[in-house]
Amino acid sequence: MNSPQKVTNKIWRIIDVINWGVKYFQDKYFENPRLEIEIFLQHILGYKKIDLYINFEEQISKKNLKQLKELVKRRVKNEPIQYITGVSNFYGRNFSVCKSVLIPRPETEILINVSIDYLSSKKNPFIIDVGTGSGCIGITLAKELPSSNVIAIDYSQQALNIAKKNSELIGVKNIEFIKLDFLSENLNYIADAIVSNPPYIPQKDIQFLMKDVKEFEPHKALTDNADGLEFYRVFANKLDVILEKSGALIVEVGRGHHPAEVEKIFKGFGYNNIEMIDDYNKDVRVLKIIK
């Protein structure tokens, strides 16, 4: 079988589709071909991974095969699998995603860990999530720190609609969503912690991103249309009035020279209590700035 169009031409069991999918995605040079086809089958059948192999002799209906064909066709055009299924897992929970929001990344979970470690000793901490997107950061912190109160802001109403939906799906009530452009509007709150994964890719570097990112994810969530440092400059300029005494700004940063450039910005504004935290590859990916 050479193409997804031929999937519906005969009776297929789950194991047949897995074997076909592995070869098909291998031939298309996908990095994890088995994972690709497993995710689609789990999505279509409503199964967990183990269910696929427990029920590997189960026949798949023509309706489900047709749906599978459409999903595979989208995937081989480099559309991210999370947008195709409408789901992305973050910190052990499923979040709804669409092309209006950035896909949550595993490295952003480090920001969550740093935030929880900092805030766990504080009574009823007040947290502001800047550029909430899908809501993965603010909602996760609200869930993990049930005594907290979270304000999640974003310039995009579409993103806020997705974030609100996620808060309802995950069952979080200690969070409020506000439409606000952080770069141009005042944030009239004072927080114990401000958390953010801001757009930090320089505009000139967008062309070098992988196709699935460059062609599908929202550019305004990826880049500030400048040098990738604009949000950090605004943070540094506003921190004095939006952060409690001894409060913390916890932000994600890019790879390479980016963390040092961000650190230089905050030091230029007189903030010297800065901790740089590595990801699993020993690259600095989170900065914690204590006021």
C-alpha atoms as a PDB file:
ATOM      1  CA  MET A   1       0.000   0.000   0.000  1.00  0.00           C
ATOM      2  CA  ASN A   2       1.555   3.279  -1.106  1.00  0.00           C
ATOM      3  CA  SER A   3      -0.928   5.979  -0.174  1.00  0.00           C
ATOM      4  CA  PRO A   4      -3.662   6.732   2.400  1.00  0.00           C
ATOM      5  CA  GLN A   5      -6.225   6.685  -0.446  1.00  0.00           C
ATOM      6  CA  LYS A   6      -5.874   2.901  -0.605  1.00  0.00           C
ATOM      7  CA  VAL A   7      -6.587   2.365   3.091  1.00  0.00           C
ATOM      8  CA  THR A   8     -10.319   1.855   2.522  1.00  0.00           C
ATOM      9  CA  ASN A   9     -10.026  -0.756  -0.267  1.00  0.00           C
ATOM     10  CA  LYS A  10     -10.215  -3.836   1.998  1.00  0.00           C
ATOM     11  CA  ILE A  11     -10.957  -5.004   5.530  1.00  0.00           C
ATOM     12  CA  TRP A  12      -8.378  -3.710   7.972  1.00  0.00           C
ATOM     13  CA  ARG A  13      -7.658  -4.736  11.533  1.00  0.00           C
ATOM     14  CA  ILE A  14      -5.976  -2.398  14.029  1.00  0.00           C
ATOM     15  CA  ILE A  15      -2.674  -4.263  13.642  1.00  0.00           C
ATOM     16  CA  ASP A  16      -2.884  -3.995   9.847  1.00  0.00           C
ATOM     17  CA  VAL A  17      -3.296  -0.232  10.059  1.00  0.00           C
ATOM     18  CA  ILE A  18      -0.432   0.075  12.543  1.00  0.00           C
ATOM     19  CA  ASN A  19       1.892  -1.912  10.266  1.00  0.00           C
ATOM     20  CA  TRP A  20       0.798   0.106   7.240  1.00  0.00           C
ATOM     21  CA  GLY A  21       1.156   3.400   9.114  1.00  0.00           C
ATOM     22  CA  VAL A  22       4.659   2.622  10.364  1.00  0.00           C
ATOM     23  CA  LYS A  23       5.860   1.920   6.816  1.00  0.00           C
ATOM     24  CA  TYR A  24       3.974   4.853   5.313  1.00  0.00           C
ATOM     25  CA  PHE A  25       5.349   7.404   7.784  1.00  0.00           C
ATOM     26  CA  GLN A  26       8.828   5.851   7.541  1.00  0.00           C
ATOM     27  CA  ASP A  27       8.736   6.344   3.785  1.00  0.00           C
ATOM     28  CA  LYS A  28       7.791   9.983   4.397  1.00  0.00           C
ATOM     29  CA  TYR A  29      10.814  10.352   6.735  1.00  0.00           C
ATOM     30  CA  PHE A  30       8.849  10.982   9.933  1.00  0.00           C
ATOM     31  CA  GLU A  31      10.970  10.632  13.060  1.00  0.00           C
ATOM     32  CA  ASN A  32       8.519   8.474  15.065  1.00  0.00           C
ATOM     33  CA  PRO A  33       6.331   6.658  12.506  1.00  0.00           C
ATOM     34  CA  ARG A  34       4.764   4.218  14.980  1.00  0.00           C
ATOM     35  CA  LEU A  35       3.824   7.020  17.349  1.00  0.00           C
ATOM     36  CA  GLU A  36       2.174   8.938  14.493  1.00  0.00           C
ATOM     37  CA  ILE A  37      -0.184   6.125  13.519  1.00  0.00           C
ATOM     38  CA  GLU A  38      -0.845   5.140  17.150  1.00  0.00           C
ATOM     39  CA  ILE A  39      -1.945   8.691  18.029  1.00  0.00           C
ATOM     40  CA  PHE A  40      -4.354   8.810  15.091  1.00  0.00           C
ATOM     41  CA  LEU A  41      -5.845   5.427  15.946  1.00  0.00           C
ATOM     42  CA  GLN A  42      -6.231   6.387  19.612  1.00  0.00           C
ATOM     43  CA  HIS A  43      -7.945   9.604  18.537  1.00  0.00           C
ATOM     44  CA  ILE A  44     -10.347   7.936  16.109  1.00  0.00           C
ATOM     45  CA  LEU A  45     -11.218   4.935  18.282  1.00  0.00           C
ATOM     46  CA  GLY A  46     -11.153   6.663  21.664  1.00  0.00           C
ATOM     47  CA  TYR A  47      -8.597   4.127  22.880  1.00  0.00           C
ATOM     48  CA  LYS A  48      -5.540   4.337  25.070  1.00  0.00           C
ATOM     49  CA  LYS A  49      -2.309   3.061  23.558  1.00  0.00           C
ATOM     50  CA  ILE A  50      -2.509  -0.264  25.377  1.00  0.00           C
ATOM     51  CA  ASP A  51      -6.046  -0.790  24.019  1.00  0.00           C
ATOM     52  CA  LEU A  52      -4.708  -0.800  20.462  1.00  0.00           C
ATOM     53  CA  TYR A  53      -2.571  -3.841  21.186  1.00  0.00           C
ATOM     54  CA  ILE A  54      -5.089  -5.628  23.415  1.00  0.00           C
ATOM     55  CA  ASN A  55      -7.650  -5.309  20.605  1.00  0.00           C
ATOM     56  CA  PHE A  56      -5.207  -5.596  17.691  1.00  0.00           C
ATOM     57  CA  GLU A  57      -7.472  -8.076  15.820  1.00  0.00           C
ATOM     58  CA  GLU A  58     -10.435  -5.668  15.897  1.00  0.00           C
ATOM     59  CA  GLN A  59     -11.669  -4.587  12.474  1.00  0.00           C
ATOM     60  CA  ILE A  60     -11.856  -0.884  11.751  1.00  0.00           C
ATOM     61  CA  SER A  61     -15.041   0.459  10.160  1.00  0.00           C
ATOM     62  CA  LYS A  62     -15.028   2.103   6.742  1.00  0.00           C
ATOM     63  CA  LYS A  63     -16.126   5.352   8.394  1.00  0.00           C
ATOM     64  CA  ASN A  64     -13.104   5.302  10.711  1.00  0.00           C
ATOM     65  CA  LEU A  65     -10.791   4.343   7.847  1.00  0.00           C
ATOM     66  CA  LYS A  66     -12.050   7.306   5.852  1.00  0.00           C
ATOM     67  CA  GLN A  67     -11.428   9.598   8.809  1.00  0.00           C
ATOM     68  CA  LEU A  68      -7.947   8.132   9.224  1.00  0.00           C
ATOM     69  CA  LYS A  69      -7.177   8.800   5.573  1.00  0.00           C
ATOM     70  CA  GLU A  70      -8.063  12.483   5.976  1.00  0.00           C
ATOM     71  CA  LEU A  71      -5.929  12.828   9.108  1.00  0.00           C
ATOM     72  CA  VAL A  72      -2.920  11.192   7.474  1.00  0.00           C
ATOM     73  CA  LYS A  73      -3.255  13.414   4.397  1.00  0.00           C
ATOM     74  CA  ARG A  74      -3.105  16.485   6.639  1.00  0.00           C
ATOM     75  CA  ARG A  75      -0.145  15.131   8.592  1.00  0.00           C
ATOM     76  CA  VAL A  76       2.038  14.467   5.561  1.00  0.00           C
ATOM     77  CA  LYS A  77       1.609  18.152   4.684  1.00  0.00           C
ATOM     78  CA  ASN A  78       3.425  18.874   7.968  1.00  0.00           C
ATOM     79  CA  GLU A  79       0.382  20.032   9.912  1.00  0.00           C
ATOM     80  CA  PRO A  80       1.155  19.445  13.611  1.00  0.00           C
ATOM     81  CA  ILE A  81      -0.530  16.346  14.978  1.00  0.00           C
ATOM     82  CA  GLN A  82      -1.871  18.386  17.927  1.00  0.00           C
ATOM     83  CA  TYR A  83      -3.846  20.650  15.591  1.00  0.00           C
ATOM     84  CA  ILE A  84      -5.154  17.641  13.673  1.00  0.00           C
ATOM     85  CA  THR A  85      -6.435  15.887  16.798  1.00  0.00           C
ATOM     86  CA  GLY A  86      -7.237  19.156  18.594  1.00  0.00           C
ATOM     87  CA  VAL A  87      -5.422  17.977  21.733  1.00  0.00           C
ATOM     88  CA  SER A  88      -2.008  18.559  23.299  1.00  0.00           C
ATOM     89  CA  ASN A  89      -0.809  16.996  26.541  1.00  0.00           C
ATOM     90  CA  PHE A  90       0.856  19.320  29.041  1.00  0.00           C
ATOM     91  CA  TYR A  91       1.860  18.499  32.598  1.00  0.00           C
ATOM     92  CA  GLY A  92      -0.164  15.290  32.452  1.00  0.00           C
ATOM     93  CA  ARG A  93      -3.383  16.962  31.268  1.00  0.00           C
ATOM     94  CA  ASN A  94      -4.988  17.264  27.854  1.00  0.00           C
ATOM     95  CA  PHE A  95      -5.512  20.783  26.525  1.00  0.00           C
ATOM     96  CA  SER A  96      -7.629  21.708  23.536  1.00  0.00           C
ATOM     97  CA  VAL A  97      -5.588  23.493  20.878  1.00  0.00           C
ATOM     98  CA  CYS A  98      -6.230  25.018  17.474  1.00  0.00           C
ATOM     99  CA  LYS A  99      -4.302  27.221  15.063  1.00  0.00           C
ATOM    100  CA  SER A 100      -5.137  30.295  17.168  1.00  0.00           C
ATOM    101  CA  VAL A 101      -2.790  29.153  19.952  1.00  0.00           C
ATOM    102  CA  LEU A 102       0.754  27.912  20.292  1.00  0.00           C
ATOM    103  CA  ILE A 103       1.147  24.179  20.924  1.00  0.00           C
ATOM    104  CA  PRO A 104       2.331  23.642  24.539  1.00  0.00           C
ATOM    105  CA  ARG A 105       5.942  22.432  24.689  1.00  0.00           C
ATOM    106  CA  PRO A 106       7.438  19.933  27.153  1.00  0.00           C
ATOM    107  CA  GLU A 107      10.198  22.423  28.067  1.00  0.00           C
ATOM    108  CA  THR A 108       7.561  24.857  29.340  1.00  0.00           C
ATOM    109  CA  GLU A 109       6.852  22.345  32.113  1.00  0.00           C
ATOM    110  CA  ILE A 110      10.159  23.502  33.618  1.00  0.00           C
ATOM    111  CA  LEU A 111       8.625  26.956  34.035  1.00  0.00           C
ATOM    112  CA  ILE A 112       5.737  25.305  35.884  1.00  0.00           C
ATOM    113  CA  ASN A 113       8.100  23.437  38.221  1.00  0.00           C
ATOM    114  CA  VAL A 114      10.072  26.604  39.002  1.00  0.00           C
ATOM    115  CA  SER A 115       6.852  28.542  39.650  1.00  0.00           C
ATOM    116  CA  ILE A 116       5.403  25.874  41.952  1.00  0.00           C
ATOM    117  CA  ASP A 117       8.670  25.653  43.887  1.00  0.00           C
ATOM    118  CA  TYR A 118       8.690  29.428  44.366  1.00  0.00           C
ATOM    119  CA  LEU A 119       4.995  29.849  45.214  1.00  0.00           C
ATOM    120  CA  SER A 120       4.228  26.734  47.273  1.00  0.00           C
ATOM    121  CA  SER A 121       5.257  28.415  50.525  1.00  0.00           C
ATOM    122  CA  LYS A 122       3.137  31.518  49.876  1.00  0.00           C
ATOM    123  CA  LYS A 123      -0.403  31.767  51.234  1.00  0.00           C
ATOM    124  CA  ASN A 124      -3.007  32.511  48.533  1.00  0.00           C
ATOM    125  CA  PRO A 125      -0.482  33.647  45.926  1.00  0.00           C
ATOM    126  CA  PHE A 126      -1.674  35.994  43.188  1.00  0.00           C
ATOM    127  CA  ILE A 127      -0.305  35.000  39.772  1.00  0.00           C
ATOM    128  CA  ILE A 128      -0.436  36.749  36.406  1.00  0.00           C
ATOM    129  CA  ASP A 129       0.060  34.676  33.251  1.00  0.00           C
ATOM    130  CA  VAL A 130       1.065  36.979  30.389  1.00  0.00           C
ATOM    131  CA  GLY A 131       0.239  35.702  26.895  1.00  0.00           C
ATOM    132  CA  THR A 132      -1.772  32.739  28.105  1.00  0.00           C
ATOM    133  CA  GLY A 133      -2.580  31.229  24.675  1.00  0.00           C
ATOM    134  CA  SER A 134      -4.167  27.830  25.334  1.00  0.00           C
ATOM    135  CA  GLY A 135      -4.022  28.632  29.048  1.00  0.00           C
ATOM    136  CA  CYS A 136      -1.621  25.778  29.741  1.00  0.00           C
ATOM    137  CA  ILE A 137       0.593  27.754  32.143  1.00  0.00           C
ATOM    138  CA  GLY A 138      -2.045  29.674  34.085  1.00  0.00           C
ATOM    139  CA  ILE A 139      -4.501  26.771  34.289  1.00  0.00           C
ATOM    140  CA  THR A 140      -1.811  24.310  35.378  1.00  0.00           C
ATOM    141  CA  LEU A 141      -0.632  26.648  38.137  1.00  0.00           C
ATOM    142  CA  ALA A 142      -4.224  27.269  39.240  1.00  0.00           C
ATOM    143  CA  LYS A 143      -4.760  23.502  39.391  1.00  0.00           C
ATOM    144  CA  GLU A 144      -1.475  22.667  41.122  1.00  0.00           C
ATOM    145  CA  LEU A 145      -1.803  25.588  43.563  1.00  0.00           C
ATOM    146  CA  PRO A 146      -5.516  25.521  44.477  1.00  0.00           C
ATOM    147  CA  SER A 147      -5.158  28.338  47.031  1.00  0.00           C
ATOM    148  CA  SER A 148      -3.846  30.672  44.328  1.00  0.00           C
ATOM    149  CA  ASN A 149      -5.687  33.267  42.282  1.00  0.00           C
ATOM    150  CA  VAL A 150      -4.641  33.570  38.645  1.00  0.00           C
ATOM    151  CA  ILE A 151      -5.208  36.279  36.072  1.00  0.00           C
ATOM    152  CA  ALA A 152      -4.463  35.089  32.521  1.00  0.00           C
ATOM    153  CA  ILE A 153      -4.145  37.730  29.811  1.00  0.00           C
ATOM    154  CA  ASP A 154      -3.849  37.605  26.045  1.00  0.00           C
ATOM    155  CA  TYR A 155      -4.343  40.062  23.178  1.00  0.00           C
ATOM    156  CA  SER A 156      -6.296  37.435  21.191  1.00  0.00           C
ATOM    157  CA  GLN A 157      -9.959  36.798  21.958  1.00  0.00           C
ATOM    158  CA  GLN A 158      -9.732  33.519  20.014  1.00  0.00           C
ATOM    159  CA  ALA A 159      -6.933  32.357  22.308  1.00  0.00           C
ATOM    160  CA  LEU A 160      -8.897  33.412  25.386  1.00  0.00           C
ATOM    161  CA  ASN A 161     -11.906  31.432  24.179  1.00  0.00           C
ATOM    162  CA  ILE A 162      -9.728  28.312  23.931  1.00  0.00           C
ATOM    163  CA  ALA A 163      -8.170  28.996  27.350  1.00  0.00           C
ATOM    164  CA  LYS A 164     -11.614  29.403  28.954  1.00  0.00           C
ATOM    165  CA  LYS A 165     -12.725  26.118  27.381  1.00  0.00           C
ATOM    166  CA  ASN A 166      -9.625  24.411  28.795  1.00  0.00           C
ATOM    167  CA  SER A 167     -10.242  25.801  32.279  1.00  0.00           C
ATOM    168  CA  GLU A 168     -13.739  24.320  32.186  1.00  0.00           C
ATOM    169  CA  LEU A 169     -12.538  20.955  30.848  1.00  0.00           C
ATOM    170  CA  ILE A 170      -9.844  20.717  33.526  1.00  0.00           C
ATOM    171  CA  GLY A 171     -12.131  21.984  36.256  1.00  0.00           C
ATOM    172  CA  VAL A 172     -10.316  25.133  37.349  1.00  0.00           C
ATOM    173  CA  LYS A 173     -12.283  28.001  38.894  1.00  0.00           C
ATOM    174  CA  ASN A 174      -9.544  30.096  40.530  1.00  0.00           C
ATOM    175  CA  ILE A 175      -8.552  31.746  37.242  1.00  0.00           C
ATOM    176  CA  GLU A 176      -9.855  34.781  35.335  1.00  0.00           C
ATOM    177  CA  PHE A 177      -9.203  35.592  31.687  1.00  0.00           C
ATOM    178  CA  ILE A 178      -8.698  39.157  30.464  1.00  0.00           C
ATOM    179  CA  LYS A 179      -8.174  40.525  26.958  1.00  0.00           C
ATOM    180  CA  LEU A 180      -5.192  42.852  27.090  1.00  0.00           C
ATOM    181  CA  ASP A 181      -2.204  43.726  24.906  1.00  0.00           C
ATOM    182  CA  PHE A 182       0.696  43.643  27.350  1.00  0.00           C
ATOM    183  CA  LEU A 183       3.025  45.591  25.060  1.00  0.00           C
ATOM    184  CA  SER A 184       0.746  48.600  24.722  1.00  0.00           C
ATOM    185  CA  GLU A 185      -1.712  48.537  27.638  1.00  0.00           C
ATOM    186  CA  ASN A 186      -1.236  48.921  31.384  1.00  0.00           C
ATOM    187  CA  LEU A 187      -1.670  45.916  33.638  1.00  0.00           C
ATOM    188  CA  ASN A 188      -3.464  47.261  36.702  1.00  0.00           C
ATOM    189  CA  TYR A 189      -2.606  44.440  39.092  1.00  0.00           C
ATOM    190  CA  ILE A 190       0.190  43.693  41.543  1.00  0.00           C
ATOM    191  CA  ALA A 191       1.191  40.028  41.615  1.00  0.00           C
ATOM    192  CA  ASP A 192       3.271  37.716  43.771  1.00  0.00           C
ATOM    193  CA  ALA A 193       4.498  36.104  40.560  1.00  0.00           C
ATOM    194  CA  ILE A 194       4.284  36.904  36.889  1.00  0.00           C
ATOM    195  CA  VAL A 195       4.794  33.955  34.566  1.00  0.00           C
ATOM    196  CA  SER A 196       5.132  33.994  30.808  1.00  0.00           C
ATOM    197  CA  ASN A 197       6.292  32.161  27.729  1.00  0.00           C
ATOM    198  CA  PRO A 198       6.410  35.256  25.506  1.00  0.00           C
ATOM    199  CA  PRO A 199       7.112  35.402  21.754  1.00  0.00           C
ATOM    200  CA  TYR A 200      10.918  35.339  21.671  1.00  0.00           C
ATOM    201  CA  ILE A 201      11.982  34.185  18.218  1.00  0.00           C
ATOM    202  CA  PRO A 202      13.603  37.034  16.248  1.00  0.00           C
ATOM    203  CA  GLN A 203      11.671  37.903  13.108  1.00  0.00           C
ATOM    204  CA  LYS A 204      14.735  37.152  10.967  1.00  0.00           C
ATOM    205  CA  ASP A 205      14.847  33.581  12.291  1.00  0.00           C
ATOM    206  CA  ILE A 206      11.245  32.626  11.466  1.00  0.00           C
ATOM    207  CA  GLN A 207      12.303  31.473   7.993  1.00  0.00           C
ATOM    208  CA  PHE A 208      14.573  28.829   9.546  1.00  0.00           C
ATOM    209  CA  LEU A 209      11.887  27.161  11.673  1.00  0.00           C
ATOM    210  CA  MET A 210      10.567  23.696  10.873  1.00  0.00           C
ATOM    211  CA  LYS A 211       7.664  23.669   8.430  1.00  0.00           C
ATOM    212  CA  ASP A 212       5.152  22.416  10.979  1.00  0.00           C
ATOM    213  CA  VAL A 213       5.915  25.446  13.163  1.00  0.00           C
ATOM    214  CA  LYS A 214       6.487  28.106  10.503  1.00  0.00           C
ATOM    215  CA  GLU A 215       3.479  27.246   8.351  1.00  0.00           C
ATOM    216  CA  PHE A 216       0.889  26.406  10.996  1.00  0.00           C
ATOM    217  CA  GLU A 217       1.516  27.982  14.401  1.00  0.00           C
ATOM    218  CA  PRO A 218       0.444  31.620  14.995  1.00  0.00           C
ATOM    219  CA  HIS A 219       3.377  33.913  14.220  1.00  0.00           C
ATOM    220  CA  LYS A 220       2.304  36.453  16.842  1.00  0.00           C
ATOM    221  CA  ALA A 221       2.820  33.755  19.487  1.00  0.00           C
ATOM    222  CA  LEU A 222       6.279  32.950  18.078  1.00  0.00           C
ATOM    223  CA  THR A 223       7.865  36.332  17.365  1.00  0.00           C
ATOM    224  CA  ASP A 224       7.585  39.932  18.529  1.00  0.00           C
ATOM    225  CA  ASN A 225       8.280  40.945  14.904  1.00  0.00           C
ATOM    226  CA  ALA A 226      11.549  42.405  16.111  1.00  0.00           C
ATOM    227  CA  ASP A 227      14.652  40.985  17.795  1.00  0.00           C
ATOM    228  CA  GLY A 228      12.899  38.553  20.136  1.00  0.00           C
ATOM    229  CA  LEU A 229      13.554  40.737  23.182  1.00  0.00           C
ATOM    230  CA  GLU A 230      10.686  43.247  23.148  1.00  0.00           C
ATOM    231  CA  PHE A 231       8.532  41.508  25.769  1.00  0.00           C
ATOM    232  CA  TYR A 232      11.469  41.275  28.180  1.00  0.00           C
ATOM    233  CA  ARG A 233      12.148  45.013  27.817  1.00  0.00           C
ATOM    234  CA  VAL A 234       8.516  45.766  28.642  1.00  0.00           C
ATOM    235  CA  PHE A 235       8.609  43.354  31.589  1.00  0.00           C
ATOM    236  CA  ALA A 236      11.742  45.028  32.931  1.00  0.00           C
ATOM    237  CA  ASN A 237      10.162  48.465  32.528  1.00  0.00           C
ATOM    238  CA  LYS A 238       6.862  47.495  34.232  1.00  0.00           C
ATOM    239  CA  LEU A 239       8.032  45.131  36.986  1.00  0.00           C
ATOM    240  CA  ASP A 240       8.388  47.844  39.579  1.00  0.00           C
ATOM    241  CA  VAL A 241       4.645  48.588  39.499  1.00  0.00           C
ATOM    242  CA  ILE A 242       3.121  45.153  38.745  1.00  0.00           C
ATOM    243  CA  LEU A 243       5.144  42.939  41.096  1.00  0.00           C
ATOM    244  CA  GLU A 244       4.938  42.737  44.894  1.00  0.00           C
ATOM    245  CA  LYS A 245       8.050  43.329  46.968  1.00  0.00           C
ATOM    246  CA  SER A 246      10.130  40.127  46.787  1.00  0.00           C
ATOM    247  CA  GLY A 247       7.849  38.907  43.995  1.00  0.00           C
ATOM    248  CA  ALA A 248       9.217  36.990  41.025  1.00  0.00           C
ATOM    249  CA  LEU A 249       9.036  37.147  37.270  1.00  0.00           C
ATOM    250  CA  ILE A 250       9.444  33.646  35.820  1.00  0.00           C
ATOM    251  CA  VAL A 251       9.874  33.586  32.053  1.00  0.00           C
ATOM    252  CA  GLU A 252      10.842  31.158  29.343  1.00  0.00           C
ATOM    253  CA  VAL A 253      13.708  32.161  27.041  1.00  0.00           C
ATOM    254  CA  GLY A 254      15.165  30.880  23.787  1.00  0.00           C
ATOM    255  CA  ARG A 255      18.326  28.921  23.152  1.00  0.00           C
ATOM    256  CA  GLY A 256      21.827  30.099  22.342  1.00  0.00           C
ATOM    257  CA  HIS A 257      22.700  33.688  23.261  1.00  0.00           C
ATOM    258  CA  HIS A 258      19.101  34.623  24.064  1.00  0.00           C
ATOM    259  CA  PRO A 259      19.190  33.963  27.858  1.00  0.00           C
ATOM    260  CA  ALA A 260      22.287  36.158  28.284  1.00  0.00           C
ATOM    261  CA  GLU A 261      20.663  38.933  26.255  1.00  0.00           C
ATOM    262  CA  VAL A 262      17.535  38.763  28.421  1.00  0.00           C
ATOM    263  CA  GLU A 263      19.627  38.770  31.595  1.00  0.00           C
ATOM    264  CA  LYS A 264      21.461  41.877  30.355  1.00  0.00           C
ATOM    265  CA  ILE A 265      18.145  43.696  29.871  1.00  0.00           C
ATOM    266  CA  PHE A 266      17.038  43.075  33.466  1.00  0.00           C
ATOM    267  CA  LYS A 267      20.429  43.950  34.911  1.00  0.00           C
ATOM    268  CA  GLY A 268      20.237  47.200  32.963  1.00  0.00           C
ATOM    269  CA  PHE A 269      17.072  48.002  34.929  1.00  0.00           C
ATOM    270  CA  GLY A 270      18.799  47.198  38.242  1.00  0.00           C
ATOM    271  CA  TYR A 271      17.523  43.637  38.739  1.00  0.00           C
ATOM    272  CA  ASN A 272      20.474  41.541  39.872  1.00  0.00           C
ATOM    273  CA  ASN A 273      18.772  38.654  41.695  1.00  0.00           C
ATOM    274  CA  ILE A 274      18.463  36.482  38.587  1.00  0.00           C
ATOM    275  CA  GLU A 275      18.500  32.696  38.465  1.00  0.00           C
ATOM    276  CA  MET A 276      19.033  30.897  35.159  1.00  0.00           C
ATOM    277  CA  ILE A 277      17.491  27.419  35.033  1.00  0.00           C
ATOM    278  CA  ASP A 278      18.480  24.665  32.588  1.00  0.00           C
ATOM    279  CA  ASP A 279      16.223  22.331  30.639  1.00  0.00           C
ATOM    280  CA  TYR A 280      16.821  18.583  30.300  1.00  0.00           C
ATOM    281  CA  ASN A 281      19.518  19.231  27.673  1.00  0.00           C
ATOM    282  CA  LYS A 282      21.423  21.572  29.999  1.00  0.00           C
ATOM    283  CA  ASP A 283      20.355  24.644  27.996  1.00  0.00           C
ATOM    284  CA  VAL A 284      19.123  27.674  29.944  1.00  0.00           C
ATOM    285  CA  ARG A 285      15.383  27.914  29.222  1.00  0.00           C
ATOM    286  CA  VAL A 286      13.879  29.729  32.234  1.00  0.00           C
ATOM    287  CA  LEU A 287      14.870  32.904  34.044  1.00  0.00           C
ATOM    288  CA  LYS A 288      13.620  33.743  37.529  1.00  0.00           C
ATOM    289  CA  ILE A 289      14.007  37.408  38.444  1.00  0.00           C
ATOM    290  CA  ILE A 290      13.333  38.323  42.070  1.00  0.00           C
ATOM    291  CA  LYS A 291      12.293  41.916  42.710  1.00  0.00           C
END
